[in-house]
Amino acid sequence: STAAVAKVKWIFQVQKAGHAGTLDPLASGMLPIAFGEATKTVPYVVDGEKSYAFTIRWGQQTNTDDAEGDVIHESDSRPSAQSLEDMLGNFTGIIKQVPPQFSAVKIDGKRAYAQARAGEDVKLSAREVDITSLALQQIDDDDHASFIMTCGKGTYVRALARDLAVAMGCFGHVSALRRLE
């Protein structure tokens, strides 16, 4: 996200720019960027709801909770569409979520991802997040299912995928992620 802001500043020849809401390296989609005086509006955008389309790859948990990480757990179990539908209600509303170790959360002034990349054991605390809606879009194949989610500030799609997979009795990680709005 920081690289995208730097590129946009160079393209538009502006001195001051900022983004609202970091995107994971794997992610695509909307990254709101403000210029000049408009950077004062960034906190309002950050606090607003966001919508994502994402795909979970079942059967593998990675250390980053996405396709870029190393596989740390595997399972032959795969959830059915009906079992997923039945479980999604447990992941909507105000829930507790532990962010991924490879996240931008700060621990003692350092980003968690920097500590995790350095091989340090990263311990993050659960925090409350608000998931307004979560819907199964389709079962793509035996190993993949696609979802749409609307959520509030601080929600990690990767953590949701990890936790949903564990609740389903298998492992999983995000294999595709797009911020829609």
N, C-alpha and C. Protein backbone atom coordinates (compact mmCIF):
# COMPACT_ATOMS: atom_id res chain seq x y z
N SER A 1 0.82 -1.19 0.00
CA SER A 1 0.00 0.00 0.00
C SER A 1 0.87 1.26 0.00
N THR A 2 1.95 1.24 0.77
CA THR A 2 2.85 2.39 0.80
C THR A 2 3.51 2.60 -0.56
N ALA A 3 3.87 1.52 -1.22
CA ALA A 3 4.47 1.62 -2.55
C ALA A 3 3.47 2.20 -3.56
N ALA A 4 2.20 1.82 -3.42
CA ALA A 4 1.17 2.36 -4.31
C ALA A 4 1.02 3.86 -4.11
N VAL A 5 1.06 4.32 -2.86
CA VAL A 5 0.97 5.76 -2.58
C VAL A 5 2.16 6.49 -3.18
N ALA A 6 3.36 5.93 -3.03
CA ALA A 6 4.56 6.56 -3.59
C ALA A 6 4.46 6.68 -5.10
N LYS A 7 3.95 5.65 -5.74
CA LYS A 7 3.80 5.67 -7.20
C LYS A 7 2.79 6.73 -7.63
N VAL A 8 1.67 6.81 -6.93
CA VAL A 8 0.64 7.79 -7.26
C VAL A 8 1.15 9.22 -7.02
N LYS A 9 1.91 9.42 -5.94
CA LYS A 9 2.50 10.74 -5.68
C LYS A 9 3.41 11.15 -6.84
N TRP A 10 4.18 10.19 -7.34
CA TRP A 10 5.09 10.48 -8.45
C TRP A 10 4.30 10.78 -9.73
N ILE A 11 3.28 9.97 -10.02
CA ILE A 11 2.48 10.16 -11.24
C ILE A 11 1.80 11.53 -11.24
N PHE A 12 1.20 11.90 -10.11
CA PHE A 12 0.44 13.15 -10.05
C PHE A 12 1.25 14.34 -9.53
N GLN A 13 2.54 14.10 -9.24
CA GLN A 13 3.43 15.16 -8.79
C GLN A 13 2.86 15.93 -7.59
N VAL A 14 2.45 15.18 -6.55
CA VAL A 14 1.92 15.80 -5.34
C VAL A 14 2.89 15.57 -4.19
N GLN A 15 2.89 16.49 -3.24
CA GLN A 15 3.78 16.40 -2.09
C GLN A 15 3.18 15.55 -0.97
N LYS A 16 1.87 15.67 -0.78
CA LYS A 16 1.23 15.04 0.36
C LYS A 16 0.15 14.08 -0.13
N ALA A 17 0.24 12.82 0.31
CA ALA A 17 -0.75 11.80 -0.03
C ALA A 17 -0.77 10.75 1.06
N GLY A 18 -1.91 10.10 1.22
CA GLY A 18 -2.02 9.04 2.20
C GLY A 18 -3.09 8.06 1.80
N HIS A 19 -2.99 6.85 2.33
CA HIS A 19 -3.99 5.83 1.98
C HIS A 19 -4.84 5.49 3.19
N ALA A 20 -5.99 4.92 2.91
CA ALA A 20 -6.95 4.56 3.96
C ALA A 20 -7.13 3.06 3.97
N GLY A 21 -6.36 2.37 4.80
CA GLY A 21 -6.54 0.93 4.94
C GLY A 21 -5.55 0.13 4.13
N THR A 22 -4.57 -0.44 4.79
CA THR A 22 -3.53 -1.23 4.13
C THR A 22 -4.12 -2.47 3.49
N LEU A 23 -3.69 -2.78 2.28
CA LEU A 23 -4.05 -4.02 1.61
C LEU A 23 -2.92 -5.02 1.77
N ASP A 24 -3.27 -6.30 1.97
CA ASP A 24 -2.27 -7.35 2.01
C ASP A 24 -1.55 -7.42 0.66
N PRO A 25 -0.29 -7.89 0.63
CA PRO A 25 0.42 -8.01 -0.65
C PRO A 25 -0.33 -8.87 -1.67
N LEU A 26 -1.03 -9.91 -1.21
CA LEU A 26 -1.77 -10.80 -2.10
C LEU A 26 -3.03 -10.14 -2.66
N ALA A 27 -3.54 -9.12 -1.99
CA ALA A 27 -4.85 -8.54 -2.30
C ALA A 27 -4.83 -7.64 -3.52
N SER A 28 -6.02 -7.52 -4.11
CA SER A 28 -6.24 -6.56 -5.19
C SER A 28 -7.46 -5.73 -4.80
N GLY A 29 -7.82 -4.80 -5.65
CA GLY A 29 -9.02 -4.02 -5.41
C GLY A 29 -8.75 -2.62 -4.94
N MET A 30 -9.74 -2.06 -4.27
CA MET A 30 -9.77 -0.65 -3.91
C MET A 30 -8.78 -0.30 -2.79
N LEU A 31 -7.99 0.74 -3.05
CA LEU A 31 -7.12 1.33 -2.05
C LEU A 31 -7.38 2.84 -2.10
N PRO A 32 -8.21 3.37 -1.19
CA PRO A 32 -8.48 4.81 -1.22
C PRO A 32 -7.21 5.60 -0.93
N ILE A 33 -6.92 6.58 -1.79
CA ILE A 33 -5.75 7.44 -1.64
C ILE A 33 -6.23 8.88 -1.70
N ALA A 34 -5.77 9.68 -0.75
CA ALA A 34 -6.14 11.09 -0.68
C ALA A 34 -4.91 11.96 -0.91
N PHE A 35 -5.12 13.14 -1.52
CA PHE A 35 -4.04 14.08 -1.80
C PHE A 35 -4.24 15.38 -1.03
N GLY A 36 -3.14 16.02 -0.68
CA GLY A 36 -3.17 17.36 -0.09
C GLY A 36 -4.08 17.46 1.12
N GLU A 37 -4.94 18.48 1.11
CA GLU A 37 -5.87 18.72 2.23
C GLU A 37 -6.83 17.56 2.43
N ALA A 38 -7.10 16.80 1.38
CA ALA A 38 -8.04 15.67 1.48
C ALA A 38 -7.50 14.56 2.39
N THR A 39 -6.20 14.59 2.69
CA THR A 39 -5.65 13.57 3.60
C THR A 39 -6.29 13.67 4.99
N LYS A 40 -6.89 14.81 5.30
CA LYS A 40 -7.57 14.96 6.59
C LYS A 40 -8.83 14.10 6.67
N THR A 41 -9.32 13.61 5.54
CA THR A 41 -10.52 12.76 5.52
C THR A 41 -10.18 11.29 5.71
N VAL A 42 -8.92 10.93 5.64
CA VAL A 42 -8.51 9.52 5.72
C VAL A 42 -9.04 8.81 6.97
N PRO A 43 -9.00 9.42 8.16
CA PRO A 43 -9.53 8.71 9.34
C PRO A 43 -11.00 8.30 9.21
N TYR A 44 -11.78 9.10 8.51
CA TYR A 44 -13.20 8.76 8.32
C TYR A 44 -13.36 7.55 7.42
N VAL A 45 -12.53 7.47 6.39
CA VAL A 45 -12.59 6.33 5.47
C VAL A 45 -12.11 5.07 6.17
N VAL A 46 -11.02 5.18 6.94
CA VAL A 46 -10.47 4.03 7.66
C VAL A 46 -11.52 3.45 8.60
N ASP A 47 -12.29 4.31 9.25
CA ASP A 47 -13.29 3.85 10.21
C ASP A 47 -14.55 3.29 9.54
N GLY A 48 -14.71 3.45 8.25
CA GLY A 48 -15.90 2.99 7.55
C GLY A 48 -15.88 1.49 7.27
N GLU A 49 -17.03 0.98 6.84
CA GLU A 49 -17.13 -0.44 6.48
C GLU A 49 -16.38 -0.71 5.18
N LYS A 50 -15.91 -1.94 5.07
CA LYS A 50 -15.22 -2.40 3.87
C LYS A 50 -15.85 -3.72 3.44
N SER A 51 -15.83 -3.98 2.14
CA SER A 51 -16.35 -5.24 1.61
C SER A 51 -15.25 -5.96 0.84
N TYR A 52 -15.24 -7.29 1.00
CA TYR A 52 -14.22 -8.12 0.37
C TYR A 52 -14.84 -9.33 -0.30
N ALA A 53 -14.25 -9.75 -1.40
CA ALA A 53 -14.51 -11.05 -2.00
C ALA A 53 -13.23 -11.85 -1.77
N PHE A 54 -13.39 -13.09 -1.32
CA PHE A 54 -12.19 -13.89 -1.05
C PHE A 54 -12.48 -15.37 -1.24
N THR A 55 -11.41 -16.10 -1.43
CA THR A 55 -11.48 -17.55 -1.60
C THR A 55 -10.63 -18.20 -0.54
N ILE A 56 -11.19 -19.24 0.07
CA ILE A 56 -10.44 -20.04 1.04
C ILE A 56 -10.01 -21.33 0.37
N ARG A 57 -8.74 -21.66 0.54
CA ARG A 57 -8.19 -22.93 0.08
C ARG A 57 -8.21 -23.85 1.30
N TRP A 58 -9.01 -24.92 1.25
CA TRP A 58 -9.16 -25.86 2.37
C TRP A 58 -8.02 -26.85 2.40
N GLY A 59 -7.73 -27.36 3.60
CA GLY A 59 -6.78 -28.46 3.76
C GLY A 59 -5.37 -28.06 4.10
N GLN A 60 -5.08 -26.75 4.07
CA GLN A 60 -3.73 -26.29 4.40
C GLN A 60 -3.80 -25.00 5.20
N GLN A 61 -3.10 -24.97 6.32
CA GLN A 61 -2.91 -23.73 7.06
C GLN A 61 -1.48 -23.27 6.81
N THR A 62 -1.31 -21.98 6.57
CA THR A 62 0.03 -21.44 6.35
C THR A 62 0.41 -20.50 7.50
N ASN A 63 1.68 -20.23 7.63
CA ASN A 63 2.13 -19.34 8.71
C ASN A 63 1.70 -17.89 8.51
N THR A 64 1.32 -17.52 7.28
CA THR A 64 0.85 -16.16 6.99
C THR A 64 -0.67 -16.10 6.84
N ASP A 65 -1.33 -17.26 6.88
CA ASP A 65 -2.78 -17.39 6.67
C ASP A 65 -3.20 -17.01 5.25
N ASP A 66 -2.25 -16.99 4.32
CA ASP A 66 -2.57 -16.79 2.91
C ASP A 66 -1.65 -17.66 2.05
N ALA A 67 -1.81 -17.58 0.74
CA ALA A 67 -1.09 -18.46 -0.18
C ALA A 67 0.41 -18.17 -0.25
N GLU A 68 0.85 -17.04 0.29
CA GLU A 68 2.27 -16.70 0.22
C GLU A 68 3.10 -17.35 1.32
N GLY A 69 2.45 -17.95 2.31
CA GLY A 69 3.17 -18.51 3.44
C GLY A 69 3.56 -19.97 3.25
N ASP A 70 4.27 -20.47 4.24
CA ASP A 70 4.67 -21.88 4.28
C ASP A 70 3.57 -22.68 4.94
N VAL A 71 3.28 -23.87 4.40
CA VAL A 71 2.26 -24.75 4.97
C VAL A 71 2.77 -25.28 6.32
N ILE A 72 1.93 -25.10 7.37
CA ILE A 72 2.32 -25.56 8.71
C ILE A 72 1.41 -26.67 9.23
N HIS A 73 0.21 -26.82 8.66
CA HIS A 73 -0.72 -27.89 9.03
C HIS A 73 -1.50 -28.31 7.79
N GLU A 74 -1.82 -29.61 7.73
CA GLU A 74 -2.63 -30.12 6.62
C GLU A 74 -3.74 -31.02 7.13
N SER A 75 -4.80 -31.11 6.34
CA SER A 75 -5.95 -31.93 6.70
C SER A 75 -6.61 -32.44 5.42
N ASP A 76 -7.15 -33.65 5.48
CA ASP A 76 -7.90 -34.20 4.35
C ASP A 76 -9.38 -33.81 4.40
N SER A 77 -9.82 -33.26 5.52
CA SER A 77 -11.22 -32.89 5.71
C SER A 77 -11.57 -31.66 4.87
N ARG A 78 -12.80 -31.65 4.31
CA ARG A 78 -13.32 -30.52 3.54
C ARG A 78 -14.75 -30.26 3.98
N PRO A 79 -15.12 -28.98 4.20
CA PRO A 79 -16.48 -28.69 4.64
C PRO A 79 -17.47 -28.74 3.47
N SER A 80 -18.71 -29.11 3.79
CA SER A 80 -19.77 -29.08 2.78
C SER A 80 -20.37 -27.68 2.73
N ALA A 81 -21.09 -27.38 1.67
CA ALA A 81 -21.75 -26.09 1.56
C ALA A 81 -22.72 -25.88 2.72
N GLN A 82 -23.48 -26.92 3.07
CA GLN A 82 -24.46 -26.78 4.15
C GLN A 82 -23.78 -26.56 5.50
N SER A 83 -22.69 -27.26 5.76
CA SER A 83 -22.00 -27.06 7.03
C SER A 83 -21.40 -25.65 7.11
N LEU A 84 -20.94 -25.13 5.98
CA LEU A 84 -20.43 -23.76 5.96
C LEU A 84 -21.56 -22.77 6.24
N GLU A 85 -22.68 -22.94 5.54
CA GLU A 85 -23.84 -22.05 5.76
C GLU A 85 -24.25 -22.05 7.23
N ASP A 86 -24.25 -23.23 7.84
CA ASP A 86 -24.64 -23.36 9.24
C ASP A 86 -23.65 -22.66 10.19
N MET A 87 -22.39 -22.59 9.81
CA MET A 87 -21.34 -22.05 10.67
C MET A 87 -21.18 -20.53 10.54
N LEU A 88 -21.53 -19.94 9.40
CA LEU A 88 -21.22 -18.54 9.14
C LEU A 88 -21.81 -17.58 10.17
N GLY A 89 -22.96 -17.91 10.74
CA GLY A 89 -23.56 -17.05 11.75
C GLY A 89 -22.69 -16.87 12.98
N ASN A 90 -21.83 -17.85 13.24
CA ASN A 90 -20.90 -17.74 14.38
C ASN A 90 -19.78 -16.74 14.12
N PHE A 91 -19.66 -16.30 12.88
CA PHE A 91 -18.59 -15.38 12.50
C PHE A 91 -19.12 -14.03 12.04
N THR A 92 -20.35 -13.70 12.41
CA THR A 92 -20.91 -12.38 12.10
C THR A 92 -21.25 -11.67 13.39
N GLY A 93 -21.38 -10.34 13.30
CA GLY A 93 -21.59 -9.51 14.47
C GLY A 93 -20.25 -9.15 15.09
N ILE A 94 -20.27 -8.81 16.36
CA ILE A 94 -19.03 -8.50 17.09
C ILE A 94 -18.42 -9.82 17.53
N ILE A 95 -17.21 -10.10 17.04
CA ILE A 95 -16.52 -11.34 17.40
C ILE A 95 -15.11 -11.00 17.87
N LYS A 96 -14.48 -11.95 18.53
CA LYS A 96 -13.07 -11.82 18.93
C LYS A 96 -12.22 -12.45 17.84
N GLN A 97 -11.15 -11.75 17.47
CA GLN A 97 -10.28 -12.24 16.42
C GLN A 97 -8.83 -11.96 16.78
N VAL A 98 -7.98 -12.97 16.62
CA VAL A 98 -6.54 -12.79 16.79
C VAL A 98 -5.95 -12.50 15.41
N PRO A 99 -5.34 -11.33 15.22
CA PRO A 99 -4.76 -11.02 13.91
C PRO A 99 -3.67 -12.02 13.52
N PRO A 100 -3.41 -12.16 12.24
CA PRO A 100 -2.30 -13.03 11.79
C PRO A 100 -0.96 -12.51 12.34
N GLN A 101 -0.02 -13.43 12.56
CA GLN A 101 1.30 -12.98 13.02
C GLN A 101 1.97 -12.09 11.99
N PHE A 102 1.71 -12.34 10.72
CA PHE A 102 2.23 -11.50 9.65
C PHE A 102 1.18 -10.43 9.35
N SER A 103 1.11 -9.43 10.25
CA SER A 103 0.14 -8.34 10.10
C SER A 103 0.82 -7.03 10.45
N ALA A 104 0.13 -5.93 10.17
CA ALA A 104 0.68 -4.60 10.43
C ALA A 104 0.46 -4.15 11.87
N VAL A 105 -0.11 -5.00 12.71
CA VAL A 105 -0.34 -4.67 14.12
C VAL A 105 1.02 -4.40 14.77
N LYS A 106 1.06 -3.37 15.61
CA LYS A 106 2.31 -3.03 16.29
C LYS A 106 2.38 -3.69 17.66
N ILE A 107 3.57 -4.24 17.95
CA ILE A 107 3.88 -4.82 19.26
C ILE A 107 5.13 -4.12 19.74
N ASP A 108 5.01 -3.42 20.84
CA ASP A 108 6.14 -2.65 21.39
C ASP A 108 6.79 -1.77 20.32
N GLY A 109 5.96 -1.13 19.50
CA GLY A 109 6.45 -0.20 18.48
C GLY A 109 6.94 -0.82 17.20
N LYS A 110 6.95 -2.16 17.11
CA LYS A 110 7.40 -2.83 15.88
C LYS A 110 6.22 -3.54 15.23
N ARG A 111 6.20 -3.59 13.90
CA ARG A 111 5.16 -4.30 13.18
C ARG A 111 5.30 -5.80 13.41
N ALA A 112 4.17 -6.46 13.61
CA ALA A 112 4.19 -7.91 13.86
C ALA A 112 4.86 -8.65 12.72
N TYR A 113 4.59 -8.23 11.46
CA TYR A 113 5.18 -8.95 10.32
C TYR A 113 6.70 -8.85 10.33
N ALA A 114 7.26 -7.74 10.79
CA ALA A 114 8.72 -7.60 10.84
C ALA A 114 9.30 -8.57 11.86
N GLN A 115 8.63 -8.71 12.99
CA GLN A 115 9.09 -9.64 14.01
C GLN A 115 8.96 -11.09 13.53
N ALA A 116 7.83 -11.39 12.88
CA ALA A 116 7.60 -12.76 12.38
C ALA A 116 8.63 -13.11 11.30
N ARG A 117 8.92 -12.17 10.41
CA ARG A 117 9.92 -12.42 9.36
C ARG A 117 11.31 -12.63 9.94
N ALA A 118 11.57 -12.02 11.10
CA ALA A 118 12.87 -12.17 11.77
C ALA A 118 12.94 -13.47 12.57
N GLY A 119 11.86 -14.27 12.53
CA GLY A 119 11.85 -15.55 13.22
C GLY A 119 11.43 -15.47 14.68
N GLU A 120 10.99 -14.29 15.11
CA GLU A 120 10.56 -14.14 16.50
C GLU A 120 9.17 -14.76 16.69
N ASP A 121 8.91 -15.22 17.91
CA ASP A 121 7.60 -15.77 18.24
C ASP A 121 6.66 -14.60 18.53
N VAL A 122 5.67 -14.40 17.66
CA VAL A 122 4.76 -13.27 17.77
C VAL A 122 3.48 -13.70 18.47
N LYS A 123 3.17 -13.04 19.58
CA LYS A 123 1.95 -13.33 20.34
C LYS A 123 1.04 -12.11 20.26
N LEU A 124 -0.07 -12.26 19.57
CA LEU A 124 -1.04 -11.18 19.45
C LEU A 124 -2.29 -11.50 20.26
N SER A 125 -2.88 -10.49 20.83
CA SER A 125 -4.09 -10.66 21.63
C SER A 125 -5.33 -10.58 20.75
N ALA A 126 -6.36 -11.31 21.17
CA ALA A 126 -7.64 -11.23 20.48
C ALA A 126 -8.22 -9.84 20.70
N ARG A 127 -8.91 -9.37 19.67
CA ARG A 127 -9.59 -8.08 19.79
C ARG A 127 -10.94 -8.17 19.10
N GLU A 128 -11.82 -7.27 19.47
CA GLU A 128 -13.15 -7.29 18.90
C GLU A 128 -13.15 -6.67 17.52
N VAL A 129 -13.83 -7.34 16.59
CA VAL A 129 -14.05 -6.82 15.24
C VAL A 129 -15.53 -6.99 14.92
N ASP A 130 -16.00 -6.22 13.96
CA ASP A 130 -17.42 -6.26 13.59
C ASP A 130 -17.56 -6.76 12.16
N ILE A 131 -18.16 -7.93 12.01
CA ILE A 131 -18.43 -8.48 10.68
C ILE A 131 -19.93 -8.34 10.44
N THR A 132 -20.28 -7.41 9.56
CA THR A 132 -21.68 -7.09 9.29
C THR A 132 -22.37 -8.21 8.54
N SER A 133 -21.69 -8.74 7.53
CA SER A 133 -22.27 -9.84 6.76
C SER A 133 -21.16 -10.74 6.23
N LEU A 134 -21.50 -12.01 6.11
CA LEU A 134 -20.57 -13.01 5.59
C LEU A 134 -21.40 -14.05 4.86
N ALA A 135 -21.15 -14.21 3.57
CA ALA A 135 -21.97 -15.11 2.76
C ALA A 135 -21.10 -15.99 1.87
N LEU A 136 -21.47 -17.26 1.81
CA LEU A 136 -20.84 -18.19 0.88
C LEU A 136 -21.36 -17.87 -0.52
N GLN A 137 -20.48 -17.61 -1.45
CA GLN A 137 -20.87 -17.34 -2.83
C GLN A 137 -21.00 -18.64 -3.63
N GLN A 138 -19.95 -19.47 -3.50
CA GLN A 138 -19.97 -20.74 -4.21
C GLN A 138 -18.86 -21.65 -3.73
N ILE A 139 -19.08 -22.94 -3.94
CA ILE A 139 -18.02 -23.93 -3.76
C ILE A 139 -17.38 -24.05 -5.14
N ASP A 140 -16.14 -23.61 -5.24
CA ASP A 140 -15.46 -23.58 -6.53
C ASP A 140 -15.05 -24.98 -6.98
N ASP A 141 -14.52 -25.76 -6.04
CA ASP A 141 -14.15 -27.16 -6.25
C ASP A 141 -13.96 -27.77 -4.87
N ASP A 142 -13.48 -29.00 -4.78
CA ASP A 142 -13.34 -29.65 -3.47
C ASP A 142 -12.44 -28.86 -2.51
N ASP A 143 -11.46 -28.14 -3.04
CA ASP A 143 -10.47 -27.46 -2.20
C ASP A 143 -10.70 -25.96 -2.01
N HIS A 144 -11.69 -25.39 -2.69
CA HIS A 144 -11.87 -23.93 -2.64
C HIS A 144 -13.34 -23.53 -2.51
N ALA A 145 -13.57 -22.48 -1.71
CA ALA A 145 -14.90 -21.88 -1.60
C ALA A 145 -14.73 -20.36 -1.60
N SER A 146 -15.66 -19.66 -2.24
CA SER A 146 -15.61 -18.20 -2.35
C SER A 146 -16.68 -17.55 -1.50
N PHE A 147 -16.33 -16.41 -0.91
CA PHE A 147 -17.18 -15.70 0.03
C PHE A 147 -17.21 -14.21 -0.28
N ILE A 148 -18.22 -13.53 0.26
CA ILE A 148 -18.30 -12.07 0.27
C ILE A 148 -18.49 -11.66 1.73
N MET A 149 -17.75 -10.63 2.16
CA MET A 149 -17.85 -10.18 3.55
C MET A 149 -17.85 -8.66 3.60
N THR A 150 -18.67 -8.11 4.50
CA THR A 150 -18.64 -6.70 4.84
C THR A 150 -18.27 -6.61 6.32
N CYS A 151 -17.30 -5.75 6.62
CA CYS A 151 -16.77 -5.71 7.99
C CYS A 151 -16.29 -4.31 8.34
N GLY A 152 -15.98 -4.14 9.61
CA GLY A 152 -15.47 -2.87 10.11
C GLY A 152 -13.96 -2.87 10.20
N LYS A 153 -13.46 -1.76 10.69
CA LYS A 153 -12.03 -1.50 10.85
C LYS A 153 -11.34 -2.61 11.65
N GLY A 154 -10.14 -2.99 11.21
CA GLY A 154 -9.32 -3.92 11.97
C GLY A 154 -9.60 -5.39 11.75
N THR A 155 -10.56 -5.71 10.89
CA THR A 155 -10.88 -7.11 10.62
C THR A 155 -9.88 -7.67 9.62
N TYR A 156 -9.35 -8.84 9.91
CA TYR A 156 -8.43 -9.51 8.99
C TYR A 156 -9.14 -10.67 8.32
N VAL A 157 -9.25 -10.61 6.99
CA VAL A 157 -9.87 -11.69 6.22
C VAL A 157 -9.07 -12.97 6.41
N ARG A 158 -7.74 -12.85 6.43
CA ARG A 158 -6.89 -14.03 6.61
C ARG A 158 -7.18 -14.73 7.94
N ALA A 159 -7.39 -13.95 9.00
CA ALA A 159 -7.70 -14.54 10.31
C ALA A 159 -9.07 -15.20 10.29
N LEU A 160 -10.03 -14.56 9.62
CA LEU A 160 -11.36 -15.15 9.50
C LEU A 160 -11.28 -16.50 8.78
N ALA A 161 -10.55 -16.56 7.68
CA ALA A 161 -10.41 -17.81 6.92
C ALA A 161 -9.78 -18.89 7.78
N ARG A 162 -8.73 -18.55 8.49
CA ARG A 162 -8.04 -19.49 9.38
C ARG A 162 -9.00 -20.02 10.44
N ASP A 163 -9.72 -19.11 11.11
CA ASP A 163 -10.60 -19.49 12.20
C ASP A 163 -11.83 -20.26 11.72
N LEU A 164 -12.38 -19.87 10.58
CA LEU A 164 -13.52 -20.60 10.01
C LEU A 164 -13.11 -22.03 9.66
N ALA A 165 -11.95 -22.18 9.05
CA ALA A 165 -11.47 -23.53 8.69
C ALA A 165 -11.29 -24.40 9.93
N VAL A 166 -10.69 -23.85 10.98
CA VAL A 166 -10.50 -24.61 12.21
C VAL A 166 -11.86 -24.99 12.81
N ALA A 167 -12.80 -24.06 12.80
CA ALA A 167 -14.15 -24.35 13.32
C ALA A 167 -14.85 -25.44 12.51
N MET A 168 -14.48 -25.57 11.24
CA MET A 168 -15.06 -26.58 10.36
C MET A 168 -14.33 -27.93 10.49
N GLY A 169 -13.31 -27.98 11.32
CA GLY A 169 -12.59 -29.24 11.53
C GLY A 169 -11.53 -29.52 10.48
N CYS A 170 -11.09 -28.49 9.82
CA CYS A 170 -10.02 -28.66 8.82
C CYS A 170 -9.12 -27.43 8.91
N PHE A 171 -8.20 -27.29 8.02
CA PHE A 171 -7.35 -26.11 7.96
C PHE A 171 -7.67 -25.36 6.68
N GLY A 172 -7.26 -24.09 6.63
CA GLY A 172 -7.49 -23.30 5.43
C GLY A 172 -6.72 -22.01 5.46
N HIS A 173 -6.59 -21.41 4.28
CA HIS A 173 -5.95 -20.10 4.15
C HIS A 173 -6.58 -19.35 2.98
N VAL A 174 -6.37 -18.04 2.94
CA VAL A 174 -6.88 -17.22 1.85
C VAL A 174 -6.01 -17.44 0.61
N SER A 175 -6.67 -17.82 -0.49
CA SER A 175 -5.92 -18.00 -1.74
C SER A 175 -6.17 -16.87 -2.72
N ALA A 176 -7.23 -16.09 -2.51
CA ALA A 176 -7.51 -14.91 -3.33
C ALA A 176 -8.28 -13.91 -2.47
N LEU A 177 -7.95 -12.62 -2.64
CA LEU A 177 -8.56 -11.56 -1.84
C LEU A 177 -8.67 -10.29 -2.66
N ARG A 178 -9.89 -9.72 -2.66
CA ARG A 178 -10.13 -8.47 -3.38
C ARG A 178 -11.01 -7.56 -2.54
N ARG A 179 -10.54 -6.32 -2.31
CA ARG A 179 -11.37 -5.34 -1.61
C ARG A 179 -12.32 -4.74 -2.65
N LEU A 180 -13.61 -4.88 -2.38
CA LEU A 180 -14.62 -4.40 -3.31
C LEU A 180 -15.02 -2.95 -3.05
N GLU A 181 -15.12 -2.60 -1.78
CA GLU A 181 -15.48 -1.22 -1.42
C GLU A 181 -15.05 -0.93 0.00
